[in-house]
Amino acid sequence: MSRKHMTKHAGTESDWERLRSMSDAEAEAGALADKNNPPIGTDRPGMARVARVKVIRRALHLTQEEFSVRYRIPLGTLRDWEQGRTEPDQAAQAYLQVIAKEPETVSRALGTRSAA
């Protein structure tokens, strides 16, 4: 695989081409199966299901602050989505889907691409 399709971050490599080719269900299943970073599930009393935005953010290895700045989403809004206080509207859901499929393209288009 060419280096342009791989991103090195904190000792890990991401295969973006493979991730982009995944369906939403496959990506979510993969994130949920990550034993090193398990999401809070509904199987525990009193615990809410992890918001899809959190799965996307974790897959990109970004903090809430980094994700907020890179994709120009207000930090409070992002936190509300992740904590289940509010849900993204239809336009925001579409934007998150684009971020999930083409994170570098979105970042480049916004002029917020990381120097990594």
C-alpha atoms as a PDB file:
ATOM      1  CA  MET A   1       0.000   0.000   0.000  1.00  0.00           C
ATOM      2  CA  SER A   2       1.325   3.447  -0.851  1.00  0.00           C
ATOM      3  CA  ARG A   3       2.249   5.837   1.944  1.00  0.00           C
ATOM      4  CA  LYS A   4      -0.268   8.424   0.731  1.00  0.00           C
ATOM      5  CA  HIS A   5      -3.071   6.145   1.913  1.00  0.00           C
ATOM      6  CA  MET A   6      -1.532   5.577   5.328  1.00  0.00           C
ATOM      7  CA  THR A   7      -1.424   8.054   8.191  1.00  0.00           C
ATOM      8  CA  LYS A   8       0.903   7.562  11.118  1.00  0.00           C
ATOM      9  CA  HIS A   9      -0.378   8.805  14.479  1.00  0.00           C
ATOM     10  CA  ALA A  10       0.995   8.000  17.915  1.00  0.00           C
ATOM     11  CA  GLY A  11       2.571   4.721  16.833  1.00  0.00           C
ATOM     12  CA  THR A  12      -0.415   3.501  14.824  1.00  0.00           C
ATOM     13  CA  GLU A  13      -1.172   3.485  11.124  1.00  0.00           C
ATOM     14  CA  SER A  14      -4.597   3.945   9.574  1.00  0.00           C
ATOM     15  CA  ASP A  15      -5.521   2.418   6.239  1.00  0.00           C
ATOM     16  CA  TRP A  16      -7.777   5.228   4.988  1.00  0.00           C
ATOM     17  CA  GLU A  17      -8.566   3.523   1.687  1.00  0.00           C
ATOM     18  CA  ARG A  18      -9.906   0.482   3.523  1.00  0.00           C
ATOM     19  CA  LEU A  19     -11.818   2.643   6.003  1.00  0.00           C
ATOM     20  CA  ARG A  20     -13.437   4.679   3.204  1.00  0.00           C
ATOM     21  CA  SER A  21     -14.601   1.509   1.490  1.00  0.00           C
ATOM     22  CA  MET A  22     -16.391   0.271   4.631  1.00  0.00           C
ATOM     23  CA  SER A  23     -20.121   0.651   5.060  1.00  0.00           C
ATOM     24  CA  ASP A  24     -21.313   2.583   8.098  1.00  0.00           C
ATOM     25  CA  ALA A  25     -22.339  -0.694   9.710  1.00  0.00           C
ATOM     26  CA  GLU A  26     -18.889  -2.239   9.122  1.00  0.00           C
ATOM     27  CA  ALA A  27     -17.109   0.842  10.498  1.00  0.00           C
ATOM     28  CA  GLU A  28     -19.310   0.927  13.578  1.00  0.00           C
ATOM     29  CA  ALA A  29     -18.898  -2.823  14.137  1.00  0.00           C
ATOM     30  CA  GLY A  30     -15.129  -2.430  13.911  1.00  0.00           C
ATOM     31  CA  ALA A  31     -15.124   0.454  16.373  1.00  0.00           C
ATOM     32  CA  LEU A  32     -17.357  -1.434  18.783  1.00  0.00           C
ATOM     33  CA  ALA A  33     -15.068  -4.481  18.585  1.00  0.00           C
ATOM     34  CA  ASP A  34     -11.967  -2.456  19.557  1.00  0.00           C
ATOM     35  CA  LYS A  35     -10.909  -4.085  22.843  1.00  0.00           C
ATOM     36  CA  ASN A  36      -8.413  -1.289  23.572  1.00  0.00           C
ATOM     37  CA  ASN A  37     -11.031   1.454  23.389  1.00  0.00           C
ATOM     38  CA  PRO A  38     -14.446  -0.010  24.160  1.00  0.00           C
ATOM     39  CA  PRO A  39     -17.434   2.309  23.963  1.00  0.00           C
ATOM     40  CA  ILE A  40     -20.031   2.498  26.678  1.00  0.00           C
ATOM     41  CA  GLY A  41     -22.849   0.228  25.627  1.00  0.00           C
ATOM     42  CA  THR A  42     -26.521  -0.049  26.409  1.00  0.00           C
ATOM     43  CA  ASP A  43     -25.893  -3.442  27.988  1.00  0.00           C
ATOM     44  CA  ARG A  44     -24.953  -1.724  31.263  1.00  0.00           C
ATOM     45  CA  PRO A  45     -27.791  -0.177  33.277  1.00  0.00           C
ATOM     46  CA  GLY A  46     -27.742   3.594  33.267  1.00  0.00           C
ATOM     47  CA  MET A  47     -25.296   3.837  30.385  1.00  0.00           C
ATOM     48  CA  ALA A  48     -26.190   5.469  27.087  1.00  0.00           C
ATOM     49  CA  ARG A  49     -25.225   4.176  23.641  1.00  0.00           C
ATOM     50  CA  VAL A  50     -22.128   5.847  22.204  1.00  0.00           C
ATOM     51  CA  ALA A  51     -22.971   8.588  19.733  1.00  0.00           C
ATOM     52  CA  ARG A  52     -21.835   7.933  16.161  1.00  0.00           C
ATOM     53  CA  VAL A  53     -19.793  11.160  16.197  1.00  0.00           C
ATOM     54  CA  LYS A  54     -17.719   9.740  19.050  1.00  0.00           C
ATOM     55  CA  VAL A  55     -17.019   6.583  17.040  1.00  0.00           C
ATOM     56  CA  ILE A  56     -15.896   8.724  14.090  1.00  0.00           C
ATOM     57  CA  ARG A  57     -13.728  10.954  16.288  1.00  0.00           C
ATOM     58  CA  ARG A  58     -12.072   7.996  17.984  1.00  0.00           C
ATOM     59  CA  ALA A  59     -11.420   6.301  14.645  1.00  0.00           C
ATOM     60  CA  LEU A  60      -9.573   9.462  13.583  1.00  0.00           C
ATOM     61  CA  HIS A  61      -7.548   9.444  16.837  1.00  0.00           C
ATOM     62  CA  LEU A  62      -8.614  13.003  17.665  1.00  0.00           C
ATOM     63  CA  THR A  63      -9.512  14.629  20.960  1.00  0.00           C
ATOM     64  CA  GLN A  64     -12.794  16.506  21.168  1.00  0.00           C
ATOM     65  CA  GLU A  65     -10.867  19.766  20.901  1.00  0.00           C
ATOM     66  CA  GLU A  66      -8.897  18.609  17.830  1.00  0.00           C
ATOM     67  CA  PHE A  67     -12.025  17.311  16.084  1.00  0.00           C
ATOM     68  CA  SER A  68     -13.875  20.533  16.903  1.00  0.00           C
ATOM     69  CA  VAL A  69     -11.158  22.746  15.435  1.00  0.00           C
ATOM     70  CA  ARG A  70     -10.395  20.561  12.412  1.00  0.00           C
ATOM     71  CA  TYR A  71     -14.030  20.229  11.306  1.00  0.00           C
ATOM     72  CA  ARG A  72     -15.276  23.590  12.637  1.00  0.00           C
ATOM     73  CA  ILE A  73     -17.900  22.126  14.939  1.00  0.00           C
ATOM     74  CA  PRO A  74     -18.410  24.124  18.144  1.00  0.00           C
ATOM     75  CA  LEU A  75     -16.896  22.209  21.046  1.00  0.00           C
ATOM     76  CA  GLY A  76     -20.054  22.489  23.147  1.00  0.00           C
ATOM     77  CA  THR A  77     -22.140  21.100  20.295  1.00  0.00           C
ATOM     78  CA  LEU A  78     -19.747  18.186  19.838  1.00  0.00           C
ATOM     79  CA  ARG A  79     -19.830  17.412  23.563  1.00  0.00           C
ATOM     80  CA  ASP A  80     -23.633  17.581  23.608  1.00  0.00           C
ATOM     81  CA  TRP A  81     -23.791  15.109  20.692  1.00  0.00           C
ATOM     82  CA  GLU A  82     -21.304  12.729  22.281  1.00  0.00           C
ATOM     83  CA  GLN A  83     -23.003  12.821  25.672  1.00  0.00           C
ATOM     84  CA  GLY A  84     -26.445  12.304  24.185  1.00  0.00           C
ATOM     85  CA  ARG A  85     -27.861  15.643  25.356  1.00  0.00           C
ATOM     86  CA  THR A  86     -28.710  16.547  21.751  1.00  0.00           C
ATOM     87  CA  GLU A  87     -28.518  14.817  18.382  1.00  0.00           C
ATOM     88  CA  PRO A  88     -27.107  16.205  15.141  1.00  0.00           C
ATOM     89  CA  ASP A  89     -29.783  17.500  12.777  1.00  0.00           C
ATOM     90  CA  GLN A  90     -30.070  16.034   9.280  1.00  0.00           C
ATOM     91  CA  ALA A  91     -27.507  18.427   7.764  1.00  0.00           C
ATOM     92  CA  ALA A  92     -25.016  17.734  10.559  1.00  0.00           C
ATOM     93  CA  GLN A  93     -25.544  13.979  10.140  1.00  0.00           C
ATOM     94  CA  ALA A  94     -24.730  14.332   6.437  1.00  0.00           C
ATOM     95  CA  TYR A  95     -21.615  16.368   7.293  1.00  0.00           C
ATOM     96  CA  LEU A  96     -20.485  13.717   9.791  1.00  0.00           C
ATOM     97  CA  GLN A  97     -20.976  11.024   7.156  1.00  0.00           C
ATOM     98  CA  VAL A  98     -18.733  12.966   4.759  1.00  0.00           C
ATOM     99  CA  ILE A  99     -16.124  13.372   7.520  1.00  0.00           C
ATOM    100  CA  ALA A 100     -16.257   9.619   8.204  1.00  0.00           C
ATOM    101  CA  LYS A 101     -15.713   8.773   4.520  1.00  0.00           C
ATOM    102  CA  GLU A 102     -13.272  11.559   3.529  1.00  0.00           C
ATOM    103  CA  PRO A 103     -11.693  13.064   6.666  1.00  0.00           C
ATOM    104  CA  GLU A 104      -8.572  14.428   4.962  1.00  0.00           C
ATOM    105  CA  THR A 105     -10.535  15.875   2.025  1.00  0.00           C
ATOM    106  CA  VAL A 106     -12.885  17.730   4.382  1.00  0.00           C
ATOM    107  CA  SER A 107      -9.994  19.017   6.464  1.00  0.00           C
ATOM    108  CA  ARG A 108      -8.118  20.150   3.348  1.00  0.00           C
ATOM    109  CA  ALA A 109     -11.245  21.865   1.952  1.00  0.00           C
ATOM    110  CA  LEU A 110     -11.690  23.749   5.234  1.00  0.00           C
ATOM    111  CA  GLY A 111      -8.017  24.676   5.399  1.00  0.00           C
ATOM    112  CA  THR A 112      -7.647  22.923   8.742  1.00  0.00           C
ATOM    113  CA  ARG A 113      -5.472  20.014   7.659  1.00  0.00           C
ATOM    114  CA  SER A 114      -3.008  18.923  10.330  1.00  0.00           C
ATOM    115  CA  ALA A 115       0.736  19.152   9.794  1.00  0.00           C
ATOM    116  CA  ALA A 116       1.106  15.462  10.712  1.00  0.00           C
END
